Amino acid sequence: MQVRRSEAADLDPAFAAAVEELAGFVLGGGKRIRPTFAWWGWRAAGGAATGPEASAMLRAASALELLQACALVHDDLIDESDTRRGNPTVHRRFEQIHRAAGYRGDAGHFGSAAAVLLGDLALAWADDMVHEAGLSPEALRRAFHPWRAMRTEVLAGQYMDVLGQVRRDEEPRAALRICELKSASYTVRRPLEFGAQAAGAGPDALRALHRFGLDIGVAFQLRDDLLGVFGDPEVTGKPAGDDLREGKRTVLIAEAFAAAREQDDRHALDLLADVLGDADLDVARVERAREVLTRLGAVAAVEERITELTASAMHALESGDLAEPAATRLAELAVAVTDRIR
């Protein structure tokens, strides 16, 4: 990141200041889940723990944090979110900069433009980082397939998420597909495959990691969906019920609609339709929505699905004959990302 900062400073001080904001966003928090899974995918396939090859893999895996930054910056802009990790989102931060400096024009438009450009910059730098990490040509060739797929899948999932909101999709199957593309692919499955392919994993190991990664990736997002409605703002860094305000058609919401129709619960259907996408949703109505989601059995259904997916993932892990300590560490990570409070 320091090299990129120097390059930005050579271009223009104003651009360098914008890059500092991006650097602060990338380095200022997060769980580093994606590079962690990439590293243990590498180790699971027999990749070295130390030495030049391991150092190259660590650099390549770090590129996933820049890809994540791109996704978050753009996602927050699309969702019109105000906070991320307890701080202003990037587009809101640049709105503040605009107002504080007394610039002409609309502060919101300036913030949006800055977020688009900095998200794009993070994606470009992520690609550079993979190619410049020091992986051997053969390792890079193998790893490039999951890297390329991951970039496309996360954007496809984001588009389907936006489309689902405007179409008001309420089917669990549609919500689950978005979950697979937008989260499971670039959070667990593809990072695992990225590391494993770089290490030259065989077909049995890749099959096991693919199944494990897809199941845990979906379970991770389902837990995130629950936290998006029931999470504590002091812990999650986002306002209570933010997913409801944004009108997100998550699996949790889809399960609730399905249950309400099956139970012919008109009150629940009306309440869900009323709160979804309401930017002015207050805490009292969020609490009523929580009660309905619980009463309908949607919360229990999602919890059950998380449990089933985690069990399936553990079975895949056990059948893959993966190198230790990676197999043990991946099992621990599976629990950590699916049984969490933030």
Protein backbone atom coordinates (compact mmCIF):
# COMPACT_ATOMS: atom_id res chain seq x y z
CA MET A 1 0.00 0.00 0.00
CA GLN A 2 2.90 2.34 0.72
CA VAL A 3 4.13 2.04 -2.88
CA ARG A 4 0.68 2.99 -4.15
CA ARG A 5 0.56 5.97 -1.81
CA SER A 6 3.89 7.21 -3.21
CA GLU A 7 2.64 6.78 -6.76
CA ALA A 8 -0.49 8.75 -5.93
CA ALA A 9 1.56 11.55 -4.37
CA ASP A 10 3.60 11.81 -7.57
CA LEU A 11 0.40 12.27 -9.59
CA ASP A 12 -1.26 14.99 -7.52
CA PRO A 13 -1.58 15.90 -3.82
CA ALA A 14 -5.39 15.93 -4.05
CA PHE A 15 -5.42 12.41 -5.48
CA ALA A 16 -2.96 11.35 -2.79
CA ALA A 17 -5.39 12.61 -0.14
CA ALA A 18 -8.19 10.55 -1.70
CA VAL A 19 -5.93 7.48 -1.70
CA GLU A 20 -5.24 8.06 1.99
CA GLU A 21 -8.98 7.81 2.61
CA LEU A 22 -9.05 4.51 0.70
CA ALA A 23 -6.01 3.23 2.60
CA GLY A 24 -7.67 4.12 5.90
CA PHE A 25 -10.77 2.22 4.85
CA VAL A 26 -8.81 -0.90 3.83
CA LEU A 27 -6.55 -0.91 6.87
CA GLY A 28 -9.03 0.40 9.41
CA GLY A 29 -10.94 -2.74 10.27
CA GLY A 30 -12.46 -5.95 9.01
CA LYS A 31 -11.96 -9.60 9.83
CA ARG A 32 -9.56 -10.48 6.97
CA ILE A 33 -11.66 -13.59 6.30
CA ARG A 34 -10.90 -13.87 2.59
CA PRO A 35 -7.10 -13.82 2.71
CA THR A 36 -7.26 -16.19 5.69
CA PHE A 37 -9.25 -18.74 3.69
CA ALA A 38 -6.89 -18.29 0.71
CA TRP A 39 -3.89 -18.99 2.93
CA TRP A 40 -5.40 -22.14 4.43
CA GLY A 41 -6.49 -23.29 0.98
CA TRP A 42 -2.83 -23.01 0.00
CA ARG A 43 -1.70 -24.94 3.07
CA ALA A 44 -4.45 -27.56 2.64
CA ALA A 45 -3.03 -28.38 -0.79
CA GLY A 46 0.52 -28.73 0.55
CA GLY A 47 1.74 -25.17 0.06
CA ALA A 48 4.80 -24.15 2.05
CA ALA A 49 4.39 -22.46 5.43
CA THR A 50 7.57 -20.38 5.09
CA GLY A 51 10.02 -19.28 2.44
CA PRO A 52 9.73 -17.31 -0.82
CA GLU A 53 6.72 -19.25 -2.13
CA ALA A 54 4.79 -18.71 1.10
CA SER A 55 5.64 -14.99 1.06
CA ALA A 56 4.39 -14.71 -2.51
CA MET A 57 1.15 -16.47 -1.56
CA LEU A 58 0.63 -14.11 1.39
CA ARG A 59 1.01 -11.12 -0.93
CA ALA A 60 -1.40 -12.63 -3.45
CA ALA A 61 -3.92 -13.44 -0.71
CA SER A 62 -3.71 -9.85 0.55
CA ALA A 63 -5.13 -8.71 -2.78
CA LEU A 64 -8.45 -10.13 -1.60
CA GLU A 65 -8.71 -7.28 0.91
CA LEU A 66 -8.59 -4.79 -1.96
CA LEU A 67 -11.27 -6.75 -3.81
CA GLN A 68 -13.30 -6.67 -0.61
CA ALA A 69 -12.78 -2.91 -0.32
CA CYS A 70 -14.11 -2.43 -3.85
CA ALA A 71 -17.19 -4.53 -3.08
CA LEU A 72 -17.91 -2.73 0.20
CA VAL A 73 -17.42 0.79 -1.13
CA HIS A 74 -19.73 0.13 -4.06
CA ASP A 75 -22.23 -1.86 -1.96
CA ASP A 76 -22.52 0.95 0.58
CA LEU A 77 -23.10 3.44 -2.23
CA ILE A 78 -25.76 1.27 -3.88
CA ASP A 79 -27.52 0.72 -0.54
CA GLU A 80 -27.11 4.40 0.47
CA SER A 81 -25.62 3.23 3.77
CA ASP A 82 -24.38 5.85 6.20
CA THR A 83 -21.96 3.81 8.31
CA ARG A 84 -19.54 0.93 7.96
CA ARG A 85 -17.56 -0.46 10.91
CA GLY A 86 -18.90 2.38 13.03
CA ASN A 87 -17.54 5.08 10.71
CA PRO A 88 -19.00 7.03 7.78
CA THR A 89 -19.10 5.05 4.55
CA VAL A 90 -16.73 6.24 1.83
CA HIS A 91 -19.36 8.17 -0.13
CA ARG A 92 -20.58 9.85 3.06
CA ARG A 93 -17.02 10.69 4.05
CA PHE A 94 -16.45 12.49 0.75
CA GLU A 95 -19.74 14.32 1.17
CA GLN A 96 -18.30 15.61 4.46
CA ILE A 97 -15.07 16.62 2.74
CA HIS A 98 -17.05 18.51 0.08
CA ARG A 99 -19.08 20.42 2.64
CA ALA A 100 -16.13 21.18 4.92
CA ALA A 101 -14.13 22.61 2.00
CA GLY A 102 -17.05 24.66 0.69
CA TYR A 103 -16.82 23.17 -2.79
CA ARG A 104 -19.39 24.16 -5.41
CA GLY A 105 -22.06 21.76 -6.61
CA ASP A 106 -23.87 18.92 -4.89
CA ALA A 107 -22.02 17.20 -2.02
CA GLY A 108 -23.93 13.95 -2.48
CA HIS A 109 -22.98 13.68 -6.14
CA PHE A 110 -19.33 14.36 -5.31
CA GLY A 111 -19.39 11.66 -2.64
CA SER A 112 -20.92 9.14 -5.03
CA ALA A 113 -18.40 9.93 -7.77
CA ALA A 114 -15.48 9.58 -5.37
CA ALA A 115 -16.79 6.23 -4.07
CA VAL A 116 -17.17 4.83 -7.60
CA LEU A 117 -13.66 5.89 -8.55
CA LEU A 118 -11.98 4.68 -5.36
CA GLY A 119 -13.83 1.36 -5.52
CA ASP A 120 -12.62 0.93 -9.10
CA LEU A 121 -9.11 1.85 -8.00
CA ALA A 122 -9.17 -0.83 -5.29
CA LEU A 123 -10.23 -3.42 -7.86
CA ALA A 124 -7.46 -2.39 -10.28
CA TRP A 125 -4.87 -2.52 -7.52
CA ALA A 126 -6.13 -5.93 -6.40
CA ASP A 127 -5.50 -7.29 -9.89
CA ASP A 128 -2.03 -5.69 -9.96
CA MET A 129 -1.22 -7.19 -6.59
CA VAL A 130 -2.06 -10.73 -7.69
CA HIS A 131 0.12 -10.46 -10.78
CA GLU A 132 3.00 -8.80 -8.94
CA ALA A 133 2.94 -11.02 -5.82
CA GLY A 134 5.79 -13.25 -7.00
CA LEU A 135 3.89 -16.47 -7.67
CA SER A 136 5.53 -18.71 -10.25
CA PRO A 137 4.06 -18.44 -13.77
CA GLU A 138 2.50 -21.88 -13.40
CA ALA A 139 1.01 -21.13 -9.97
CA LEU A 140 -0.37 -17.83 -11.27
CA ARG A 141 -1.89 -19.55 -14.29
CA ARG A 142 -3.67 -22.07 -12.05
CA ALA A 143 -4.83 -19.47 -9.54
CA PHE A 144 -6.10 -17.06 -12.16
CA HIS A 145 -9.22 -19.14 -12.92
CA PRO A 146 -10.78 -18.78 -9.44
CA TRP A 147 -9.56 -15.16 -9.28
CA ARG A 148 -11.30 -14.30 -12.56
CA ALA A 149 -14.46 -16.21 -11.60
CA MET A 150 -14.60 -14.53 -8.20
CA ARG A 151 -14.53 -11.01 -9.66
CA THR A 152 -17.35 -11.79 -12.07
CA GLU A 153 -19.50 -13.71 -9.57
CA VAL A 154 -19.47 -11.02 -6.91
CA LEU A 155 -20.61 -8.43 -9.47
CA ALA A 156 -23.27 -10.78 -10.79
CA GLY A 157 -24.51 -11.33 -7.23
CA GLN A 158 -24.56 -7.59 -6.57
CA TYR A 159 -26.61 -6.98 -9.71
CA MET A 160 -29.06 -9.75 -8.85
CA ASP A 161 -29.38 -8.26 -5.36
CA VAL A 162 -30.28 -4.85 -6.79
CA LEU A 163 -32.66 -6.43 -9.31
CA GLY A 164 -34.30 -8.51 -6.60
CA GLN A 165 -35.06 -5.40 -4.58
CA VAL A 166 -36.76 -3.54 -7.44
CA ARG A 167 -38.63 -6.66 -8.59
CA ARG A 168 -39.54 -7.43 -4.97
CA ASP A 169 -38.44 -11.05 -5.32
CA GLU A 170 -39.76 -13.03 -2.39
CA GLU A 171 -38.76 -16.59 -3.30
CA PRO A 172 -36.18 -18.32 -1.05
CA ARG A 173 -34.55 -19.88 -4.13
CA ALA A 174 -33.79 -16.45 -5.66
CA ALA A 175 -32.43 -15.14 -2.36
CA LEU A 176 -30.24 -18.22 -1.95
CA ARG A 177 -28.77 -17.81 -5.44
CA ILE A 178 -27.79 -14.22 -4.63
CA CYS A 179 -26.28 -15.53 -1.41
CA GLU A 180 -24.16 -18.04 -3.34
CA LEU A 181 -22.91 -15.49 -5.88
CA LYS A 182 -22.55 -12.34 -3.84
CA SER A 183 -21.12 -13.79 -0.65
CA ALA A 184 -20.24 -17.50 -0.73
CA SER A 185 -18.19 -17.21 -3.90
CA TYR A 186 -15.88 -14.38 -2.93
CA THR A 187 -15.89 -14.88 0.83
CA VAL A 188 -14.97 -18.55 1.18
CA ARG A 189 -15.22 -20.79 -1.88
CA ARG A 190 -13.12 -18.90 -4.42
CA PRO A 191 -10.48 -17.68 -1.92
CA LEU A 192 -10.00 -21.32 -0.85
CA GLU A 193 -9.71 -22.41 -4.49
CA PHE A 194 -7.39 -19.49 -5.23
CA GLY A 195 -4.91 -20.63 -2.59
CA ALA A 196 -5.33 -24.33 -3.36
CA GLN A 197 -4.89 -23.88 -7.11
CA ALA A 198 -1.77 -21.80 -6.54
CA ALA A 199 -0.35 -24.70 -4.54
CA GLY A 200 -1.25 -27.25 -7.26
CA ALA A 201 -4.11 -29.02 -5.49
CA GLY A 202 -5.34 -32.33 -6.88
CA PRO A 203 -8.95 -32.99 -7.93
CA ASP A 204 -9.99 -34.65 -4.64
CA ALA A 205 -8.77 -31.72 -2.56
CA LEU A 206 -10.41 -29.22 -4.90
CA ARG A 207 -13.74 -31.05 -4.73
CA ALA A 208 -13.65 -31.06 -0.95
CA LEU A 209 -12.69 -27.40 -0.73
CA HIS A 210 -15.34 -26.45 -3.29
CA ARG A 211 -18.11 -28.14 -1.28
CA PHE A 212 -16.80 -26.84 2.03
CA GLY A 213 -16.39 -23.32 0.67
CA LEU A 214 -19.84 -23.11 -0.87
CA ASP A 215 -21.60 -24.42 2.25
CA ILE A 216 -19.69 -22.26 4.71
CA GLY A 217 -19.91 -19.23 2.42
CA VAL A 218 -23.70 -19.47 2.31
CA ALA A 219 -23.89 -20.13 6.06
CA PHE A 220 -21.68 -17.06 6.65
CA GLN A 221 -24.08 -14.88 4.65
CA LEU A 222 -27.14 -16.32 6.37
CA ARG A 223 -25.59 -15.37 9.71
CA ASP A 224 -24.90 -11.92 8.27
CA ASP A 225 -28.55 -11.64 7.22
CA LEU A 226 -29.67 -12.38 10.78
CA LEU A 227 -27.24 -9.80 12.14
CA GLY A 228 -28.52 -7.27 9.58
CA VAL A 229 -31.87 -7.35 11.39
CA PHE A 230 -31.09 -8.54 14.91
CA GLY A 231 -27.50 -7.36 15.40
CA ASP A 232 -26.44 -4.87 18.05
CA PRO A 233 -25.32 -1.60 16.37
CA GLU A 234 -22.58 -1.22 18.99
CA VAL A 235 -21.14 -4.52 17.78
CA THR A 236 -21.97 -4.57 14.05
CA GLY A 237 -21.13 -0.91 13.39
CA LYS A 238 -24.38 -0.44 11.44
CA PRO A 239 -27.79 0.90 12.56
CA ALA A 240 -30.31 -1.62 13.88
CA GLY A 241 -32.44 -3.08 11.11
CA ASP A 242 -30.43 -1.51 8.30
CA ASP A 243 -31.15 -4.44 5.96
CA LEU A 244 -34.87 -3.73 6.36
CA ARG A 245 -34.42 -0.05 5.48
CA GLU A 246 -32.45 -1.04 2.40
CA GLY A 247 -35.19 -3.46 1.34
CA LYS A 248 -32.84 -6.42 1.08
CA ARG A 249 -34.54 -9.60 -0.14
CA THR A 250 -32.49 -11.97 2.00
CA VAL A 251 -33.20 -15.63 2.67
CA LEU A 252 -34.52 -14.56 6.08
CA ILE A 253 -37.08 -12.26 4.46
CA ALA A 254 -37.96 -14.82 1.78
CA GLU A 255 -38.58 -17.46 4.45
CA ALA A 256 -40.83 -15.01 6.30
CA PHE A 257 -42.92 -14.24 3.22
CA ALA A 258 -43.27 -17.95 2.44
CA ALA A 259 -44.34 -18.73 6.01
CA ALA A 260 -46.79 -15.83 6.13
CA ARG A 261 -48.48 -17.01 2.94
CA GLU A 262 -48.61 -20.59 4.13
CA GLN A 263 -50.16 -19.46 7.42
CA ASP A 264 -52.41 -16.94 5.63
CA ASP A 265 -51.09 -14.27 7.99
CA ARG A 266 -52.28 -11.02 6.37
CA HIS A 267 -50.97 -8.88 9.21
CA ALA A 268 -47.44 -10.26 8.78
CA LEU A 269 -47.51 -9.83 5.00
CA ASP A 270 -48.65 -6.22 5.33
CA LEU A 271 -46.03 -5.42 7.96
CA LEU A 272 -43.19 -6.94 5.94
CA ALA A 273 -44.27 -5.07 2.82
CA ASP A 274 -44.52 -1.87 4.85
CA VAL A 275 -41.08 -1.98 6.51
CA LEU A 276 -38.98 -3.26 3.60
CA GLY A 277 -37.28 -0.40 1.84
CA ASP A 278 -38.55 2.27 4.25
CA ALA A 279 -35.55 4.56 4.76
CA ASP A 280 -37.28 6.23 7.74
CA LEU A 281 -37.91 2.98 9.62
CA ASP A 282 -37.64 3.69 13.36
CA VAL A 283 -36.48 1.43 16.17
CA ALA A 284 -40.01 0.60 17.35
CA ARG A 285 -41.05 -0.69 13.91
CA VAL A 286 -37.77 -2.59 13.58
CA GLU A 287 -38.66 -4.34 16.83
CA ARG A 288 -42.13 -5.21 15.52
CA ALA A 289 -40.56 -6.65 12.37
CA ARG A 290 -38.20 -8.72 14.50
CA GLU A 291 -41.13 -10.12 16.46
CA VAL A 292 -42.94 -11.09 13.26
CA LEU A 293 -39.85 -12.71 11.75
CA THR A 294 -39.43 -14.76 14.90
CA ARG A 295 -43.11 -15.66 15.24
CA LEU A 296 -43.35 -16.83 11.63
CA GLY A 297 -40.46 -19.22 12.19
CA ALA A 298 -38.19 -17.50 9.65
CA VAL A 299 -35.39 -17.03 12.18
CA ALA A 300 -35.55 -20.67 13.24
CA ALA A 301 -35.56 -21.77 9.58
CA VAL A 302 -32.42 -19.78 8.84
CA GLU A 303 -30.70 -21.04 11.98
CA GLU A 304 -31.55 -24.61 10.97
CA ARG A 305 -30.15 -24.01 7.49
CA ILE A 306 -26.91 -22.64 8.97
CA THR A 307 -26.57 -25.76 11.13
CA GLU A 308 -27.20 -28.08 8.18
CA LEU A 309 -24.75 -26.24 5.92
CA THR A 310 -22.05 -26.27 8.59
CA ALA A 311 -22.49 -30.02 9.11
CA SER A 312 -22.32 -30.63 5.35
CA ALA A 313 -19.17 -28.51 5.11
CA MET A 314 -17.50 -30.42 7.93
CA HIS A 315 -18.31 -33.70 6.19
CA ALA A 316 -16.72 -32.42 2.97
CA LEU A 317 -13.65 -31.35 4.91
CA GLU A 318 -13.25 -34.76 6.52
CA SER A 319 -13.52 -36.53 3.16
CA GLY A 320 -10.92 -34.43 1.38
CA ASP A 321 -7.67 -35.83 2.80
CA LEU A 322 -6.34 -32.29 3.26
CA ALA A 323 -2.97 -31.48 4.73
CA GLU A 324 -2.65 -30.57 8.39
CA PRO A 325 -2.77 -28.23 10.19
CA ALA A 326 -4.96 -26.71 7.45
CA ALA A 327 -7.85 -29.18 7.83
CA THR A 328 -8.11 -28.46 11.55
CA ARG A 329 -7.76 -24.74 11.06
CA LEU A 330 -10.49 -24.69 8.39
CA ALA A 331 -12.86 -26.54 10.73
CA GLU A 332 -12.20 -23.89 13.39
CA LEU A 333 -12.77 -21.10 10.87
CA ALA A 334 -16.06 -22.67 9.81
CA VAL A 335 -17.35 -22.34 13.36
CA ALA A 336 -15.89 -18.85 13.78
CA VAL A 337 -17.65 -17.39 10.72
CA THR A 338 -21.02 -19.05 11.22
CA ASP A 339 -21.39 -18.69 14.99
CA ARG A 340 -20.65 -15.01 15.55
CA ILE A 341 -22.18 -11.80 16.86
CA ARG A 342 -20.81 -9.45 14.18
